[in-house]
């Protein structure tokens, strides 16, 4: 997690193995795992392969995600006399980290300890078997209390949109490890997702004080401020994280994101240009780099990148808007108009979408150019935009009554799948199941091939306990249509398990 400073290496000169081991234990408690790894390796080099030290090193390597290192340590541990279930568990978790899920399951065999169930859940997740992962997590909790198992269970439930369930697991975790690192970070994550930003920042301040050499609390605060629309505060938090771990990929990503938000496209290009060949077109960095190319006068390159992104994720509004801009910049107004039209037709279309659509329509002499211009003028001073902002803010804060009010008014202004989808979500959480199902079904009727509307139609039924067969069928359809969507897969697993499927 941290790059060991040169000064720490220098300070180790002249110390004996006992000093290094003592410091490593303190570093593990403080989550300074990178430093602990170096100290343990140095102590082993001095003392020889002690089984106790090798176990400590393997634990640190696994926590760091270093599967290759943990496997090598397991081999040393075996030569030092280690054997049995303990060694098998180390190798099983190392196998997951090395991308060998089937091998991991074979190593676990019938082991039924909480740790074995946790590793089994990780392997099932890698195999895209969320039902199996959830089953393993639940069996692990039944087998006994384990901090890392509770951590992983909470993360699973967060991704499945079950924040109440996740909070219950975090509460259990905090009983085992009061104010522990994972409990604090997960508590803050749940608070931020519920729009309780003051609570999130309070927890993260405590985490930063307890773990001063770890960048995670500052990274989380930067993300929370960004979610709250407070860019300057987010930048300050990112700088605090950079002061601790300047080369941490998450810190670099934040710097890129905030540079883009400030319009510093040269900085974005300078940072990401070295990684251009490996950037995933759908990743935040891939999309940001594509926009940088557009803003810096390379629209053909940007067009190709955004086309790849939209092909893989047709419902991504950002990719669609930016592809249309790139198409217009390359002189293909007809393609730009066709690309942006699904966005500009929406009741929630804002000035950016309408302005681009109007410009493209006028370039090709489309009949609705004047209509778009009138809508653009209206949108700049429109109640629609105000309702859209209020609706999104209410969803973020879990103010379901406010969200129903905002999206309900928007739904009265015209049939729009996105509005109805969000209205369905708000109605579901407000306990108005019949209305939620009706809204979700109307959204799906408007966009029957859209995995998002299919998912919502299934989700509101499952959440209400209505027509479980149909609910699970819809959730399965959405998961199959968007296999990389973690939320879809884990919601399907969550409701399948509760239905006894």
Protein backbone atom coordinates (compact mmCIF):
# COMPACT_ATOMS: atom_id res chain seq x y z
CA UNK A 1 0.00 0.00 0.00
CA UNK A 2 2.93 2.28 0.59
CA UNK A 3 6.31 2.71 -1.07
CA UNK A 4 8.94 2.39 1.63
CA UNK A 5 10.84 5.66 1.99
CA UNK A 6 14.58 5.57 1.51
CA UNK A 7 14.97 6.96 5.02
CA UNK A 8 13.30 3.87 6.48
CA UNK A 9 15.78 1.64 4.72
CA UNK A 10 18.64 3.73 6.02
CA UNK A 11 17.30 3.62 9.57
CA UNK A 12 17.29 -0.17 9.44
CA UNK A 13 21.07 -0.30 9.16
CA UNK A 14 22.60 -1.68 12.33
CA UNK A 15 19.33 -3.03 13.69
CA UNK A 16 19.01 -6.68 14.55
CA UNK A 17 16.19 -9.00 13.52
CA UNK A 18 14.35 -8.52 16.83
CA UNK A 19 14.05 -4.78 16.18
CA UNK A 20 12.77 -5.39 12.65
CA UNK A 21 10.18 -7.92 13.85
CA UNK A 22 8.95 -5.58 16.59
CA UNK A 23 8.63 -2.73 14.09
CA UNK A 24 6.88 -4.98 11.57
CA UNK A 25 4.21 -5.84 14.15
CA UNK A 26 3.63 -2.14 14.81
CA UNK A 27 3.46 -1.47 11.07
CA UNK A 28 0.89 -4.23 10.57
CA UNK A 29 -1.27 -2.72 13.33
CA UNK A 30 -0.96 0.67 11.62
CA UNK A 31 -1.77 -0.83 8.18
CA UNK A 32 1.68 0.14 6.89
CA UNK A 33 1.86 -3.15 5.09
CA UNK A 34 4.47 -2.26 2.50
CA UNK A 35 6.90 -1.30 5.25
CA UNK A 36 6.06 -4.43 7.26
CA UNK A 37 6.77 -6.59 4.21
CA UNK A 38 10.27 -5.12 3.87
CA UNK A 39 11.06 -5.48 7.58
CA UNK A 40 9.87 -9.08 7.69
CA UNK A 41 11.89 -9.98 4.60
CA UNK A 42 14.96 -8.39 6.19
CA UNK A 43 14.41 -10.26 9.47
CA UNK A 44 14.05 -13.56 7.62
CA UNK A 45 17.25 -12.90 5.70
CA UNK A 46 19.02 -12.44 9.00
CA UNK A 47 17.40 -15.19 11.11
CA UNK A 48 16.66 -17.77 8.46
CA UNK A 49 13.27 -19.23 7.60
CA UNK A 50 11.31 -19.10 10.83
CA UNK A 51 7.80 -20.59 10.44
CA UNK A 52 6.30 -17.83 12.60
CA UNK A 53 7.88 -15.06 10.52
CA UNK A 54 6.91 -16.74 7.27
CA UNK A 55 3.28 -16.89 8.44
CA UNK A 56 3.39 -13.19 9.23
CA UNK A 57 4.94 -12.39 5.85
CA UNK A 58 2.35 -14.48 3.99
CA UNK A 59 -0.49 -12.70 5.79
CA UNK A 60 0.96 -9.32 4.81
CA UNK A 61 1.48 -10.38 1.20
CA UNK A 62 -2.08 -11.68 0.93
CA UNK A 63 -3.48 -8.47 2.35
CA UNK A 64 -1.41 -6.54 -0.20
CA UNK A 65 -2.79 -8.69 -3.02
CA UNK A 66 0.64 -10.18 -3.77
CA UNK A 67 -0.36 -13.69 -4.80
CA UNK A 68 2.99 -14.58 -6.34
CA UNK A 69 4.85 -13.48 -3.22
CA UNK A 70 2.48 -15.38 -0.94
CA UNK A 71 2.88 -18.55 -3.00
CA UNK A 72 6.67 -18.28 -2.77
CA UNK A 73 6.40 -17.75 0.99
CA UNK A 74 4.11 -20.78 1.28
CA UNK A 75 6.77 -22.90 -0.40
CA UNK A 76 9.37 -21.64 2.07
CA UNK A 77 6.97 -22.29 4.94
CA UNK A 78 6.48 -25.88 3.79
CA UNK A 79 10.24 -26.40 3.74
CA UNK A 80 10.38 -24.92 7.25
CA UNK A 81 7.92 -27.51 8.52
CA UNK A 82 4.58 -25.86 7.79
CA UNK A 83 1.80 -28.20 6.68
CA UNK A 84 -1.88 -29.01 6.91
CA UNK A 85 -4.89 -26.66 6.66
CA UNK A 86 -2.90 -23.50 7.42
CA UNK A 87 -0.59 -23.99 4.45
CA UNK A 88 -3.49 -24.98 2.20
CA UNK A 89 -5.37 -21.78 3.07
CA UNK A 90 -2.37 -19.61 2.23
CA UNK A 91 -1.95 -21.35 -1.10
CA UNK A 92 -5.68 -21.22 -1.85
CA UNK A 93 -5.86 -17.46 -1.30
CA UNK A 94 -2.65 -16.93 -3.25
CA UNK A 95 -4.20 -18.88 -6.13
CA UNK A 96 -7.22 -16.55 -6.21
CA UNK A 97 -4.93 -13.53 -6.30
CA UNK A 98 -3.04 -15.16 -9.18
CA UNK A 99 -6.28 -15.63 -11.14
CA UNK A 100 -6.52 -19.39 -10.55
CA UNK A 101 -9.94 -19.76 -8.99
CA UNK A 102 -10.44 -23.44 -9.85
CA UNK A 103 -7.07 -24.29 -8.33
CA UNK A 104 -8.05 -22.38 -5.20
CA UNK A 105 -11.28 -24.35 -4.81
CA UNK A 106 -9.41 -27.61 -5.23
CA UNK A 107 -6.93 -26.61 -2.53
CA UNK A 108 -9.78 -25.71 -0.17
CA UNK A 109 -11.46 -29.07 -0.58
CA UNK A 110 -14.10 -29.44 2.14
CA UNK A 111 -12.50 -26.98 4.55
CA UNK A 112 -15.22 -25.18 6.52
CA UNK A 113 -13.47 -22.57 8.63
CA UNK A 114 -14.53 -18.91 8.26
CA UNK A 115 -11.28 -18.23 6.39
CA UNK A 116 -11.94 -21.11 4.00
CA UNK A 117 -15.43 -19.81 3.27
CA UNK A 118 -14.06 -16.30 2.67
CA UNK A 119 -11.50 -17.58 0.16
CA UNK A 120 -14.15 -19.81 -1.44
CA UNK A 121 -16.38 -16.73 -1.89
CA UNK A 122 -13.52 -14.88 -3.57
CA UNK A 123 -12.94 -17.79 -5.94
CA UNK A 124 -16.66 -17.99 -6.76
CA UNK A 125 -16.69 -14.26 -7.45
CA UNK A 126 -13.78 -14.65 -9.85
CA UNK A 127 -15.71 -17.43 -11.61
CA UNK A 128 -18.68 -15.04 -11.95
CA UNK A 129 -20.80 -17.13 -9.63
CA UNK A 130 -22.29 -14.49 -7.29
CA UNK A 131 -24.86 -16.92 -5.89
CA UNK A 132 -22.07 -19.27 -4.89
CA UNK A 133 -20.09 -16.39 -3.43
CA UNK A 134 -23.00 -15.18 -1.34
CA UNK A 135 -23.71 -18.70 -0.12
CA UNK A 136 -20.08 -19.06 0.93
CA UNK A 137 -20.11 -15.74 2.78
CA UNK A 138 -23.26 -16.68 4.67
CA UNK A 139 -21.87 -20.08 5.60
CA UNK A 140 -18.66 -18.42 6.71
CA UNK A 141 -20.52 -16.10 9.07
CA UNK A 142 -22.41 -19.10 10.45
CA UNK A 143 -19.09 -20.88 11.01
CA UNK A 144 -17.70 -18.12 13.20
CA UNK A 145 -16.82 -14.47 13.52
CA UNK A 146 -13.89 -13.42 11.32
CA UNK A 147 -12.97 -9.78 10.55
CA UNK A 148 -11.86 -10.31 6.95
CA UNK A 149 -14.95 -12.41 6.19
CA UNK A 150 -17.23 -9.69 7.57
CA UNK A 151 -15.32 -7.13 5.51
CA UNK A 152 -15.85 -9.08 2.30
CA UNK A 153 -19.51 -9.78 3.12
CA UNK A 154 -20.15 -6.07 3.68
CA UNK A 155 -18.47 -5.19 0.39
CA UNK A 156 -20.62 -7.76 -1.43
CA UNK A 157 -23.82 -6.33 0.03
CA UNK A 158 -22.79 -2.77 -0.80
CA UNK A 159 -22.40 -3.78 -4.43
CA UNK A 160 -25.79 -5.52 -4.26
CA UNK A 161 -27.41 -2.24 -3.09
CA UNK A 162 -28.22 -3.74 0.31
CA UNK A 163 -26.82 -0.96 2.48
CA UNK A 164 -28.81 -2.02 5.54
CA UNK A 165 -27.39 -5.53 5.30
CA UNK A 166 -23.89 -4.16 4.77
CA UNK A 167 -24.23 -1.89 7.80
CA UNK A 168 -25.18 -4.90 9.93
CA UNK A 169 -22.00 -6.71 8.89
CA UNK A 170 -19.91 -3.62 9.59
CA UNK A 171 -21.47 -3.38 13.06
CA UNK A 172 -20.43 -6.98 13.72
CA UNK A 173 -16.96 -6.21 12.41
CA UNK A 174 -16.63 -3.18 14.69
CA UNK A 175 -17.46 -5.34 17.71
CA UNK A 176 -14.50 -7.55 16.85
CA UNK A 177 -12.19 -4.67 15.95
CA UNK A 178 -13.40 -1.37 17.46
CA UNK A 179 -12.29 1.49 15.22
CA UNK A 180 -10.37 -0.96 13.03
CA UNK A 181 -9.28 0.08 9.56
CA UNK A 182 -11.80 -1.94 7.54
CA UNK A 183 -14.71 -1.05 9.80
CA UNK A 184 -13.98 2.67 9.60
CA UNK A 185 -13.53 2.67 5.83
CA UNK A 186 -16.69 0.65 5.20
CA UNK A 187 -18.73 2.79 7.59
CA UNK A 188 -17.64 5.91 5.73
CA UNK A 189 -18.44 4.31 2.37
CA UNK A 190 -21.97 3.45 3.46
CA UNK A 191 -22.52 6.94 4.90
CA UNK A 192 -21.33 8.58 1.66
CA UNK A 193 -23.56 6.35 -0.47
CA UNK A 194 -26.48 7.43 1.68
CA UNK A 195 -25.61 11.08 1.17
CA UNK A 196 -24.56 11.55 4.79
CA UNK A 197 -21.39 13.37 3.90
CA UNK A 198 -20.75 14.96 7.29
CA UNK A 199 -20.86 11.50 8.90
CA UNK A 200 -18.56 10.09 6.23
CA UNK A 201 -15.99 12.83 6.70
CA UNK A 202 -16.13 12.48 10.47
CA UNK A 203 -15.36 8.76 10.26
CA UNK A 204 -12.60 9.32 7.72
CA UNK A 205 -10.97 12.01 9.88
CA UNK A 206 -10.81 9.45 12.68
CA UNK A 207 -9.33 6.89 10.28
CA UNK A 208 -6.69 9.34 9.09
CA UNK A 209 -5.61 10.00 12.68
CA UNK A 210 -5.47 6.32 13.57
CA UNK A 211 -3.64 5.35 10.35
CA UNK A 212 -1.58 8.44 9.49
CA UNK A 213 0.73 6.79 6.95
CA UNK A 214 -2.05 5.23 4.86
CA UNK A 215 -3.56 7.22 1.96
CA UNK A 216 -6.97 5.48 1.94
CA UNK A 217 -8.86 7.89 4.25
CA UNK A 218 -7.74 10.88 2.19
CA UNK A 219 -8.60 9.11 -1.07
CA UNK A 220 -12.06 8.35 0.31
CA UNK A 221 -12.54 11.94 1.45
CA UNK A 222 -11.53 13.22 -1.98
CA UNK A 223 -14.11 10.91 -3.55
CA UNK A 224 -16.79 12.00 -1.08
CA UNK A 225 -16.14 15.69 -1.73
CA UNK A 226 -16.28 15.00 -5.46
CA UNK A 227 -19.64 13.24 -5.03
CA UNK A 228 -20.82 16.31 -3.13
CA UNK A 229 -19.74 18.67 -5.93
CA UNK A 230 -16.95 20.27 -3.88
CA UNK A 231 -14.06 20.04 -6.31
CA UNK A 232 -11.63 22.36 -4.53
CA UNK A 233 -11.99 20.39 -1.29
CA UNK A 234 -11.59 17.15 -3.23
CA UNK A 235 -8.33 18.40 -4.74
CA UNK A 236 -6.99 19.27 -1.28
CA UNK A 237 -7.75 15.74 -0.05
CA UNK A 238 -6.08 14.22 -3.12
CA UNK A 239 -2.96 16.24 -2.39
CA UNK A 240 -2.91 14.95 1.18
CA UNK A 241 -3.10 11.40 -0.19
CA UNK A 242 -0.30 12.19 -2.66
CA UNK A 243 1.91 13.43 0.16
CA UNK A 244 1.74 9.91 1.64
CA UNK A 245 1.71 7.75 -1.50
CA UNK A 246 2.39 9.79 -4.66
CA UNK A 247 2.66 6.72 -6.91
CA UNK A 248 -0.45 4.93 -5.66
CA UNK A 249 -2.58 4.28 -8.81
CA UNK A 250 -5.69 5.51 -7.01
CA UNK A 251 -4.00 8.82 -6.23
CA UNK A 252 -2.85 9.17 -9.83
CA UNK A 253 -6.41 8.45 -11.01
CA UNK A 254 -7.81 11.17 -8.76
CA UNK A 255 -5.31 13.69 -10.08
CA UNK A 256 -6.29 12.83 -13.64
CA UNK A 257 -9.99 13.07 -12.82
CA UNK A 258 -9.67 16.44 -11.12
CA UNK A 259 -7.41 17.83 -13.85
CA UNK A 260 -10.10 16.92 -16.38
CA UNK A 261 -12.79 18.59 -14.29
CA UNK A 262 -10.69 21.75 -14.23
CA UNK A 263 -10.07 21.56 -17.97
CA UNK A 264 -6.33 20.92 -17.69
CA UNK A 265 -6.23 18.56 -20.66
CA UNK A 266 -2.47 18.84 -21.17
CA UNK A 267 -1.96 17.38 -17.70
CA UNK A 268 -4.39 14.57 -18.49
CA UNK A 269 -2.50 13.77 -21.69
CA UNK A 270 0.88 13.90 -20.00
CA UNK A 271 -0.17 11.48 -17.26
CA UNK A 272 -2.18 9.02 -19.35
CA UNK A 273 -0.33 9.20 -22.65
CA UNK A 274 2.26 6.74 -21.37
CA UNK A 275 -0.53 4.21 -20.72
CA UNK A 276 -2.53 4.78 -23.91
CA UNK A 277 -2.06 1.27 -25.31
CA UNK A 278 -3.32 -0.37 -22.11
CA UNK A 279 -6.25 1.92 -21.29
CA UNK A 280 -9.65 0.25 -21.14
CA UNK A 281 -11.99 2.37 -23.33
CA UNK A 282 -14.76 2.04 -20.71
CA UNK A 283 -12.61 2.92 -17.72
CA UNK A 284 -12.70 6.40 -16.21
CA UNK A 285 -9.15 7.01 -17.41
CA UNK A 286 -9.90 5.66 -20.88
CA UNK A 287 -12.86 8.00 -21.31
CA UNK A 288 -10.99 10.95 -19.85
CA UNK A 289 -8.03 10.39 -22.16
CA UNK A 290 -10.39 10.24 -25.15
CA UNK A 291 -11.88 13.58 -24.13
CA UNK A 292 -8.40 15.03 -23.74
CA UNK A 293 -7.67 14.05 -27.34
CA UNK A 294 -10.84 15.81 -28.44
CA UNK A 295 -10.09 18.98 -26.48
CA UNK A 296 -6.49 19.06 -27.71
CA UNK A 297 -7.43 18.97 -31.38
CA UNK A 298 -7.31 15.26 -32.20
CA UNK A 299 -11.00 14.53 -32.87
CA UNK A 300 -10.44 11.51 -35.16
CA UNK A 301 -8.57 9.68 -32.42
CA UNK A 302 -11.19 10.70 -29.87
CA UNK A 303 -13.97 9.52 -32.19
CA UNK A 304 -12.45 6.06 -32.50
CA UNK A 305 -12.00 5.75 -28.73
CA UNK A 306 -15.53 6.89 -27.88
CA UNK A 307 -16.98 4.63 -30.57
CA UNK A 308 -15.32 1.62 -28.94
CA UNK A 309 -16.64 2.69 -25.54
CA UNK A 310 -20.21 3.20 -26.77
CA UNK A 311 -20.21 -0.11 -28.64
CA UNK A 312 -19.40 -1.91 -25.41
CA UNK A 313 -21.78 0.17 -23.27
CA UNK A 314 -24.60 1.60 -25.43
CA UNK A 315 -26.40 3.20 -22.46
CA UNK A 316 -23.47 5.27 -21.23
CA UNK A 317 -24.67 8.88 -21.73
CA UNK A 318 -21.19 10.37 -21.39
CA UNK A 319 -19.73 8.15 -24.12
CA UNK A 320 -22.70 8.95 -26.36
CA UNK A 321 -22.44 12.71 -25.83
CA UNK A 322 -18.69 12.77 -26.36
CA UNK A 323 -18.86 10.57 -29.47
CA UNK A 324 -21.39 12.99 -30.95
CA UNK A 325 -19.06 15.91 -30.18
CA UNK A 326 -16.16 14.08 -31.84
CA UNK A 327 -18.30 13.24 -34.87
CA UNK A 328 -19.32 16.88 -35.23
CA UNK A 329 -15.71 17.99 -34.85
CA UNK A 330 -14.69 15.68 -37.71
CA UNK A 331 -17.38 17.16 -39.97
CA UNK A 332 -19.87 14.28 -39.75
CA UNK A 333 -22.93 16.19 -38.55
CA UNK A 334 -25.36 13.49 -39.68
CA UNK A 335 -23.66 10.88 -37.49
CA UNK A 336 -23.47 13.35 -34.60
CA UNK A 337 -27.18 14.06 -34.85
CA UNK A 338 -28.08 10.34 -34.88
CA UNK A 339 -25.77 9.68 -31.93
CA UNK A 340 -27.00 12.49 -29.68
CA UNK A 341 -30.71 12.15 -30.53
CA UNK A 342 -31.50 9.55 -27.80
CA UNK A 343 -30.12 12.03 -25.26
CA UNK A 344 -31.76 15.16 -26.66
CA UNK A 345 -35.13 13.40 -26.92
CA UNK A 346 -35.14 12.82 -23.16
CA UNK A 347 -37.32 14.93 -20.91
CA UNK A 348 -34.22 15.42 -18.75
CA UNK A 349 -32.06 16.67 -21.64
CA UNK A 350 -29.92 19.55 -20.46
CA UNK A 351 -28.28 22.45 -22.29
CA UNK A 352 -25.25 20.37 -23.36
CA UNK A 353 -27.30 17.69 -25.06
CA UNK A 354 -29.74 20.15 -26.64
CA UNK A 355 -27.05 22.54 -27.84
CA UNK A 356 -25.11 19.77 -29.55
CA UNK A 357 -28.28 18.29 -31.09
CA UNK A 358 -29.40 21.69 -32.36
CA UNK A 359 -25.99 22.41 -33.90
CA UNK A 360 -25.89 19.02 -35.64
CA UNK A 361 -29.51 19.29 -36.79
CA UNK A 362 -28.94 22.74 -38.26
CA UNK A 363 -25.82 21.53 -40.07
CA UNK A 364 -27.80 18.87 -41.92
CA UNK A 365 -30.98 20.89 -42.31
CA UNK A 366 -33.06 18.66 -40.03
CA UNK A 367 -36.65 19.74 -39.51
CA UNK A 368 -36.44 19.86 -35.72
CA UNK A 369 -33.52 22.31 -35.52
CA UNK A 370 -35.82 25.18 -34.53
CA UNK A 371 -37.64 23.00 -32.01
CA UNK A 372 -34.31 22.07 -30.44
CA UNK A 373 -33.29 25.72 -30.29
CA UNK A 374 -36.54 26.57 -28.48
CA UNK A 375 -36.02 23.69 -26.06
CA UNK A 376 -32.45 24.83 -25.47
CA UNK A 377 -33.60 28.34 -24.60
CA UNK A 378 -36.20 26.90 -22.27
CA UNK A 379 -33.77 24.46 -20.64
CA UNK A 380 -31.36 27.22 -19.68
CA UNK A 381 -34.04 28.67 -17.43
CA UNK A 382 -36.19 25.60 -17.01
CA UNK A 383 -37.87 24.01 -14.04
CA UNK A 384 -36.95 20.68 -15.65
CA UNK A 385 -33.29 21.17 -14.84
CA UNK A 386 -34.15 22.21 -11.31
CA UNK A 387 -36.31 19.11 -10.83
CA UNK A 388 -33.56 16.92 -12.29
CA UNK A 389 -31.02 18.31 -9.83
CA UNK A 390 -33.43 17.94 -6.94
CA UNK A 391 -34.24 14.37 -7.93
CA UNK A 392 -30.60 13.33 -8.14
CA UNK A 393 -29.77 15.02 -4.84
CA UNK A 394 -32.71 13.28 -3.18
CA UNK A 395 -31.63 9.87 -4.50
CA UNK A 396 -28.08 10.44 -3.25
CA UNK A 397 -29.37 11.40 0.20
CA UNK A 398 -31.88 8.51 0.26
CA UNK A 399 -34.67 11.09 0.53
CA UNK A 400 -37.16 8.82 -1.18
CA UNK A 401 -40.12 11.15 -0.67
CA UNK A 402 -38.21 14.01 -2.28
CA UNK A 403 -37.06 11.79 -5.14
CA UNK A 404 -40.62 10.59 -5.79
CA UNK A 405 -41.84 14.18 -5.87
CA UNK A 406 -39.14 15.35 -8.30
CA UNK A 407 -39.24 12.43 -10.71
CA UNK A 408 -43.02 12.19 -10.44
CA UNK A 409 -43.29 15.75 -11.76
CA UNK A 410 -40.79 15.00 -14.51
CA UNK A 411 -42.75 11.89 -15.51
CA UNK A 412 -45.83 14.04 -16.04
CA UNK A 413 -43.95 16.09 -18.64
CA UNK A 414 -43.55 13.17 -21.05
CA UNK A 415 -42.76 9.47 -21.29
CA UNK A 416 -39.05 9.05 -20.58
CA UNK A 417 -37.42 5.73 -19.68
CA UNK A 418 -34.66 7.24 -17.53
CA UNK A 419 -37.12 9.32 -15.51
CA UNK A 420 -39.41 6.34 -14.99
CA UNK A 421 -36.51 4.10 -14.00
CA UNK A 422 -35.40 6.53 -11.29
CA UNK A 423 -38.99 7.07 -10.18
CA UNK A 424 -39.40 3.31 -9.83
CA UNK A 425 -36.33 3.10 -7.60
CA UNK A 426 -37.57 5.92 -5.37
CA UNK A 427 -41.09 4.47 -5.14
CA UNK A 428 -39.65 1.05 -4.26
CA UNK A 429 -37.64 2.44 -1.35
CA UNK A 430 -40.64 4.51 -0.25
CA UNK A 431 -42.63 1.27 0.12
CA UNK A 432 -44.97 2.00 -2.78
CA UNK A 433 -44.47 -1.33 -4.52
CA UNK A 434 -47.39 -1.28 -6.95
CA UNK A 435 -46.48 2.15 -8.27
CA UNK A 436 -42.79 1.18 -8.45
CA UNK A 437 -43.57 -1.88 -10.55
CA UNK A 438 -45.84 0.13 -12.84
CA UNK A 439 -43.17 2.81 -13.37
CA UNK A 440 -40.44 0.22 -13.98
CA UNK A 441 -42.61 -1.63 -16.49
CA UNK A 442 -43.34 1.61 -18.35
CA UNK A 443 -39.61 2.33 -18.51
CA UNK A 444 -38.93 -1.16 -19.83
CA UNK A 445 -41.66 -0.82 -22.44
CA UNK A 446 -39.92 2.30 -23.74
CA UNK A 447 -36.47 0.65 -23.77
CA UNK A 448 -37.07 -3.12 -23.83
CA UNK A 449 -33.51 -4.01 -24.85
CA UNK A 450 -31.88 -1.88 -22.14
CA UNK A 451 -30.34 -3.97 -19.33
CA UNK A 452 -30.90 -1.06 -16.92
CA UNK A 453 -34.67 -0.99 -17.37
CA UNK A 454 -34.83 -4.80 -17.28
CA UNK A 455 -32.86 -4.78 -14.04
CA UNK A 456 -35.13 -2.19 -12.45
CA UNK A 457 -38.26 -4.11 -13.40
CA UNK A 458 -36.80 -7.15 -11.67
CA UNK A 459 -35.36 -5.27 -8.71
CA UNK A 460 -38.58 -3.54 -7.65
CA UNK A 461 -40.46 -6.86 -7.76
CA UNK A 462 -37.77 -8.68 -5.79
CA UNK A 463 -37.48 -5.91 -3.21
CA UNK A 464 -41.25 -6.01 -2.67
CA UNK A 465 -41.39 -9.81 -2.56
CA UNK A 466 -43.74 -9.84 -5.56
CA UNK A 467 -43.79 -12.43 -8.33
CA UNK A 468 -40.36 -13.80 -7.46
CA UNK A 469 -40.11 -16.00 -10.56
CA UNK A 470 -40.56 -13.00 -12.85
CA UNK A 471 -38.30 -10.85 -10.68
CA UNK A 472 -35.45 -13.35 -10.79
CA UNK A 473 -35.95 -13.95 -14.50
CA UNK A 474 -35.64 -10.21 -15.19
CA UNK A 475 -32.59 -9.85 -12.95
CA UNK A 476 -31.00 -12.80 -14.73
CA UNK A 477 -31.76 -11.26 -18.14
CA UNK A 478 -30.13 -7.99 -17.06
CA UNK A 479 -27.07 -9.81 -15.71
CA UNK A 480 -26.66 -11.81 -18.90
CA UNK A 481 -27.07 -8.70 -21.06
CA UNK A 482 -24.48 -6.79 -19.01
CA UNK A 483 -22.16 -9.50 -17.62
CA UNK A 484 -19.60 -7.01 -16.32
CA UNK A 485 -22.13 -5.19 -14.14
CA UNK A 486 -21.28 -6.21 -10.57
CA UNK A 487 -24.43 -4.63 -9.13
CA UNK A 488 -26.67 -6.69 -11.41
CA UNK A 489 -24.91 -9.96 -10.60
CA UNK A 490 -24.84 -9.42 -6.85
CA UNK A 491 -28.46 -8.27 -6.68
CA UNK A 492 -29.43 -11.44 -8.52
CA UNK A 493 -27.44 -13.47 -6.00
CA UNK A 494 -28.95 -11.61 -3.07
CA UNK A 495 -32.57 -12.13 -4.14
CA UNK A 496 -31.99 -15.66 -5.41
CA UNK A 497 -30.70 -16.64 -1.99
CA UNK A 498 -33.58 -14.96 -0.18
CA UNK A 499 -36.03 -16.77 -2.46
CA UNK A 500 -34.37 -20.09 -1.80
CA UNK A 501 -33.48 -20.40 -5.47
